[in-house]
C-alpha atoms as a PDB file:
ATOM      1  CA  MET A   1      26.481 227.065 225.041  1.00  0.00           C
ATOM      2  CA  TYR A   2      26.186 227.523 221.269  1.00  0.00           C
ATOM      3  CA  GLY A   3      22.692 227.375 219.772  1.00  0.00           C
ATOM      4  CA  ALA A   4      23.919 224.626 217.442  1.00  0.00           C
ATOM      5  CA  THR A   5      24.902 222.523 220.462  1.00  0.00           C
ATOM      6  CA  VAL A   6      21.390 222.816 221.884  1.00  0.00           C
ATOM      7  CA  GLN A   7      19.955 221.732 218.538  1.00  0.00           C
ATOM      8  CA  LEU A   8      22.403 218.816 218.328  1.00  0.00           C
ATOM      9  CA  GLN A   9      21.391 217.669 221.817  1.00  0.00           C
ATOM     10  CA  SER A  10      17.736 217.721 220.779  1.00  0.00           C
ATOM     11  CA  ILE A  11      18.461 215.787 217.587  1.00  0.00           C
ATOM     12  CA  LEU A  12      20.456 213.166 219.471  1.00  0.00           C
ATOM     13  CA  ALA A  13      17.654 212.697 221.994  1.00  0.00           C
ATOM     14  CA  GLN A  14      15.211 212.194 219.131  1.00  0.00           C
ATOM     15  CA  ALA A  15      17.587 209.806 217.371  1.00  0.00           C
ATOM     16  CA  GLN A  16      18.122 207.712 220.504  1.00  0.00           C
ATOM     17  CA  SER A  17      14.378 207.218 220.910  1.00  0.00           C
ATOM     18  CA  SER A  18      13.725 206.285 217.271  1.00  0.00           C
ATOM     19  CA  SER A  19      14.770 203.586 214.848  1.00  0.00           C
ATOM     20  CA  ASN A  20      17.793 203.774 212.567  1.00  0.00           C
ATOM     21  CA  GLU A  21      15.905 205.663 209.881  1.00  0.00           C
ATOM     22  CA  PRO A  22      17.115 209.004 208.527  1.00  0.00           C
ATOM     23  CA  VAL A  23      15.664 212.055 210.264  1.00  0.00           C
ATOM     24  CA  ALA A  24      14.630 213.456 206.883  1.00  0.00           C
ATOM     25  CA  ARG A  25      13.544 211.484 203.817  1.00  0.00           C
ATOM     26  CA  ARG A  26      14.495 213.594 200.848  1.00  0.00           C
ATOM     27  CA  PRO A  27      15.965 212.412 197.545  1.00  0.00           C
ATOM     28  CA  ASP A  28      18.845 214.896 197.830  1.00  0.00           C
ATOM     29  CA  LEU A  29      20.051 213.459 201.171  1.00  0.00           C
ATOM     30  CA  PRO A  30      22.128 210.311 201.695  1.00  0.00           C
ATOM     31  CA  THR A  31      20.287 207.108 202.544  1.00  0.00           C
ATOM     32  CA  PRO A  32      21.494 204.308 204.809  1.00  0.00           C
ATOM     33  CA  VAL A  33      23.560 201.484 203.326  1.00  0.00           C
ATOM     34  CA  ASP A  34      24.507 198.113 204.813  1.00  0.00           C
ATOM     35  CA  ASP A  35      26.264 198.544 208.136  1.00  0.00           C
ATOM     36  CA  ALA A  36      25.681 202.301 208.065  1.00  0.00           C
ATOM     37  CA  VAL A  37      23.331 204.727 209.739  1.00  0.00           C
ATOM     38  CA  THR A  38      22.871 208.177 208.203  1.00  0.00           C
ATOM     39  CA  ARG A  39      21.080 211.124 209.743  1.00  0.00           C
ATOM     40  CA  ALA A  40      20.628 214.506 208.130  1.00  0.00           C
ATOM     41  CA  VAL A  41      19.041 217.636 209.524  1.00  0.00           C
ATOM     42  CA  VAL A  42      18.994 221.339 208.772  1.00  0.00           C
ATOM     43  CA  LEU A  43      20.073 223.402 211.790  1.00  0.00           C
ATOM     44  CA  ASP A  44      19.108 227.028 212.275  1.00  0.00           C
ATOM     45  CA  ALA A  45      22.729 228.043 212.789  1.00  0.00           C
ATOM     46  CA  SER A  46      25.711 229.110 210.720  1.00  0.00           C
ATOM     47  CA  ARG A  47      28.133 226.478 209.489  1.00  0.00           C
ATOM     48  CA  SER A  48      30.875 227.994 211.695  1.00  0.00           C
ATOM     49  CA  ALA A  49      28.648 227.707 214.800  1.00  0.00           C
ATOM     50  CA  VAL A  50      27.821 224.071 214.025  1.00  0.00           C
ATOM     51  CA  TRP A  51      31.506 223.341 213.354  1.00  0.00           C
ATOM     52  CA  ALA A  52      32.408 224.800 216.761  1.00  0.00           C
ATOM     53  CA  ALA A  53      29.742 222.666 218.448  1.00  0.00           C
ATOM     54  CA  LEU A  54      31.342 219.600 216.841  1.00  0.00           C
ATOM     55  CA  THR A  55      35.002 220.429 217.435  1.00  0.00           C
ATOM     56  CA  VAL A  56      35.402 222.578 220.567  1.00  0.00           C
ATOM     57  CA  PRO A  57      35.865 220.040 223.409  1.00  0.00           C
ATOM     58  CA  GLU A  58      33.632 221.897 225.887  1.00  0.00           C
ATOM     59  CA  GLU A  59      30.796 222.088 223.338  1.00  0.00           C
ATOM     60  CA  LEU A  60      31.273 218.543 222.061  1.00  0.00           C
ATOM     61  CA  SER A  61      31.166 217.222 225.636  1.00  0.00           C
ATOM     62  CA  GLU A  62      27.642 218.602 225.958  1.00  0.00           C
ATOM     63  CA  TRP A  63      26.223 215.985 223.593  1.00  0.00           C
ATOM     64  CA  LEU A  64      28.667 213.050 223.458  1.00  0.00           C
ATOM     65  CA  GLY A  65      27.856 211.498 226.810  1.00  0.00           C
ATOM     66  CA  GLY A  66      31.224 212.236 228.380  1.00  0.00           C
ATOM     67  CA  ARG A  67      33.964 214.830 228.807  1.00  0.00           C
ATOM     68  CA  VAL A  68      36.152 215.327 225.744  1.00  0.00           C
ATOM     69  CA  GLU A  69      39.533 215.302 227.464  1.00  0.00           C
ATOM     70  CA  GLU A  70      41.639 215.283 224.338  1.00  0.00           C
ATOM     71  CA  LEU A  71      40.899 216.047 220.684  1.00  0.00           C
ATOM     72  CA  ASP A  72      43.665 216.571 218.133  1.00  0.00           C
ATOM     73  CA  LEU A  73      41.883 217.706 214.948  1.00  0.00           C
ATOM     74  CA  ARG A  74      44.573 216.594 212.503  1.00  0.00           C
ATOM     75  CA  PRO A  75      44.674 213.440 210.376  1.00  0.00           C
ATOM     76  CA  GLU A  76      45.773 210.602 212.679  1.00  0.00           C
ATOM     77  CA  GLY A  77      45.087 212.894 215.668  1.00  0.00           C
ATOM     78  CA  ARG A  78      43.738 211.200 218.768  1.00  0.00           C
ATOM     79  CA  GLY A  79      40.962 211.953 221.173  1.00  0.00           C
ATOM     80  CA  VAL A  80      39.658 210.635 224.469  1.00  0.00           C
ATOM     81  CA  ILE A  81      36.141 210.912 225.859  1.00  0.00           C
ATOM     82  CA  ARG A  82      35.602 209.983 229.510  1.00  0.00           C
ATOM     83  CA  ARG A  83      32.272 209.324 231.220  1.00  0.00           C
ATOM     84  CA  ASP A  84      31.629 210.072 234.899  1.00  0.00           C
ATOM     85  CA  ASP A  85      31.983 206.345 235.712  1.00  0.00           C
ATOM     86  CA  GLY A  86      35.564 206.425 234.329  1.00  0.00           C
ATOM     87  CA  ALA A  87      34.869 204.505 231.108  1.00  0.00           C
ATOM     88  CA  THR A  88      36.725 205.928 228.113  1.00  0.00           C
ATOM     89  CA  ARG A  89      36.079 206.081 224.391  1.00  0.00           C
ATOM     90  CA  ARG A  90      39.048 206.377 222.043  1.00  0.00           C
ATOM     91  CA  VAL A  91      38.914 208.516 218.892  1.00  0.00           C
ATOM     92  CA  ARG A  92      41.249 208.639 215.875  1.00  0.00           C
ATOM     93  CA  VAL A  93      40.796 211.435 213.315  1.00  0.00           C
ATOM     94  CA  VAL A  94      40.845 210.218 209.705  1.00  0.00           C
ATOM     95  CA  SER A  95      40.397 213.496 207.827  1.00  0.00           C
ATOM     96  CA  VAL A  96      39.338 217.045 208.520  1.00  0.00           C
ATOM     97  CA  GLU A  97      38.501 220.084 206.393  1.00  0.00           C
ATOM     98  CA  PRO A  98      37.174 222.923 208.573  1.00  0.00           C
ATOM     99  CA  PRO A  99      34.307 223.812 208.467  1.00  0.00           C
ATOM    100  CA  VAL A 100      33.119 221.278 205.874  1.00  0.00           C
ATOM    101  CA  HIS A 101      33.847 217.765 207.071  1.00  0.00           C
ATOM    102  CA  LEU A 102      35.299 215.665 209.851  1.00  0.00           C
ATOM    103  CA  THR A 103      35.826 211.929 209.645  1.00  0.00           C
ATOM    104  CA  PHE A 104      36.984 209.856 212.599  1.00  0.00           C
ATOM    105  CA  ARG A 105      37.044 206.305 213.920  1.00  0.00           C
ATOM    106  CA  TRP A 106      35.921 205.607 217.445  1.00  0.00           C
ATOM    107  CA  TRP A 107      35.501 202.658 219.724  1.00  0.00           C
ATOM    108  CA  PRO A 108      32.716 201.933 222.248  1.00  0.00           C
ATOM    109  CA  PHE A 109      33.160 203.133 225.810  1.00  0.00           C
ATOM    110  CA  GLU A 110      35.382 200.690 227.681  1.00  0.00           C
ATOM    111  CA  SER A 111      36.247 200.244 231.318  1.00  0.00           C
ATOM    112  CA  ALA A 112      39.848 199.834 232.410  1.00  0.00           C
ATOM    113  CA  GLY A 113      41.237 196.526 231.217  1.00  0.00           C
ATOM    114  CA  THR A 114      38.408 195.747 228.785  1.00  0.00           C
ATOM    115  CA  PRO A 115      39.523 197.030 225.371  1.00  0.00           C
ATOM    116  CA  ARG A 116      37.320 196.275 222.361  1.00  0.00           C
ATOM    117  CA  PRO A 117      39.822 196.619 219.494  1.00  0.00           C
ATOM    118  CA  GLY A 118      37.593 195.092 216.791  1.00  0.00           C
ATOM    119  CA  ALA A 119      34.478 197.168 217.471  1.00  0.00           C
ATOM    120  CA  ALA A 120      35.469 200.472 215.835  1.00  0.00           C
ATOM    121  CA  THR A 121      33.085 202.449 213.682  1.00  0.00           C
ATOM    122  CA  ARG A 122      33.817 205.260 211.242  1.00  0.00           C
ATOM    123  CA  VAL A 123      31.878 208.519 211.587  1.00  0.00           C
ATOM    124  CA  GLU A 124      31.702 211.034 208.757  1.00  0.00           C
ATOM    125  CA  ILE A 125      30.272 214.474 209.492  1.00  0.00           C
ATOM    126  CA  ARG A 126      29.506 216.836 206.624  1.00  0.00           C
ATOM    127  CA  LEU A 127      28.302 220.425 206.870  1.00  0.00           C
ATOM    128  CA  ALA A 128      26.796 222.307 203.947  1.00  0.00           C
ATOM    129  CA  GLU A 129      25.314 225.761 203.600  1.00  0.00           C
ATOM    130  CA  HIS A 130      21.513 225.669 203.376  1.00  0.00           C
ATOM    131  CA  PRO A 131      18.969 228.479 202.863  1.00  0.00           C
ATOM    132  CA  ASP A 132      17.615 227.775 206.371  1.00  0.00           C
ATOM    133  CA  GLY A 133      21.010 227.429 208.083  1.00  0.00           C
ATOM    134  CA  THR A 134      23.337 224.438 207.885  1.00  0.00           C
ATOM    135  CA  LEU A 135      22.700 220.932 206.591  1.00  0.00           C
ATOM    136  CA  LEU A 136      24.371 218.497 209.000  1.00  0.00           C
ATOM    137  CA  THR A 137      24.796 214.940 207.682  1.00  0.00           C
ATOM    138  CA  VAL A 138      26.287 212.251 209.929  1.00  0.00           C
ATOM    139  CA  THR A 139      27.031 208.733 208.693  1.00  0.00           C
ATOM    140  CA  GLU A 140      28.359 206.043 211.010  1.00  0.00           C
ATOM    141  CA  ARG A 141      29.445 202.697 209.613  1.00  0.00           C
ATOM    142  CA  ALA A 142      31.139 199.575 210.864  1.00  0.00           C
ATOM    143  CA  MET A 143      34.790 199.304 209.894  1.00  0.00           C
ATOM    144  CA  PRO A 144      35.555 196.673 207.213  1.00  0.00           C
ATOM    145  CA  GLY A 145      36.310 193.348 208.838  1.00  0.00           C
ATOM    146  CA  SER A 146      34.799 194.420 212.161  1.00  0.00           C
ATOM    147  CA  ALA A 147      32.573 191.964 214.000  1.00  0.00           C
ATOM    148  CA  PHE A 148      30.559 195.002 215.135  1.00  0.00           C
ATOM    149  CA  ARG A 149      27.338 195.621 213.192  1.00  0.00           C
ATOM    150  CA  LEU A 150      25.188 198.720 213.270  1.00  0.00           C
ATOM    151  CA  LYS A 151      22.130 196.984 211.809  1.00  0.00           C
ATOM    152  CA  GLU A 152      20.963 193.434 211.353  1.00  0.00           C
ATOM    153  CA  PRO A 153      21.266 192.245 207.746  1.00  0.00           C
ATOM    154  CA  SER A 154      17.941 192.249 205.880  1.00  0.00           C
END
């Protein structure tokens, strides 16, 4: 397993047990906007190692909560993530520029026969060189017109 994958797993565990506040509060990092959650962290790994942890199905499966069974990393490419209970999560790639950014839409896990077509969110992943490794910034936002909300309005 790549070192970046281990770090990503740790970050996700921390994020799941905290509120929707950015991991780091620095003026040079993005801040959350309505219907968006942004997290940014510097990983002690090269940008290519972090990119592999985010795009190689075996590595990505380690921290997404299911097996990445399909992942076509081209604009309009599709992906499928399957949990052990059989529920699937659909993915549609919006844009990709290795090893700098990946943007995709995805839908919540759904069991057979229970699609949730209006609940998609858009995830933008950006990687930047940093003196201490790689700055990973992830922003997830509700799709325009979606009934799904990431945060309650203030």
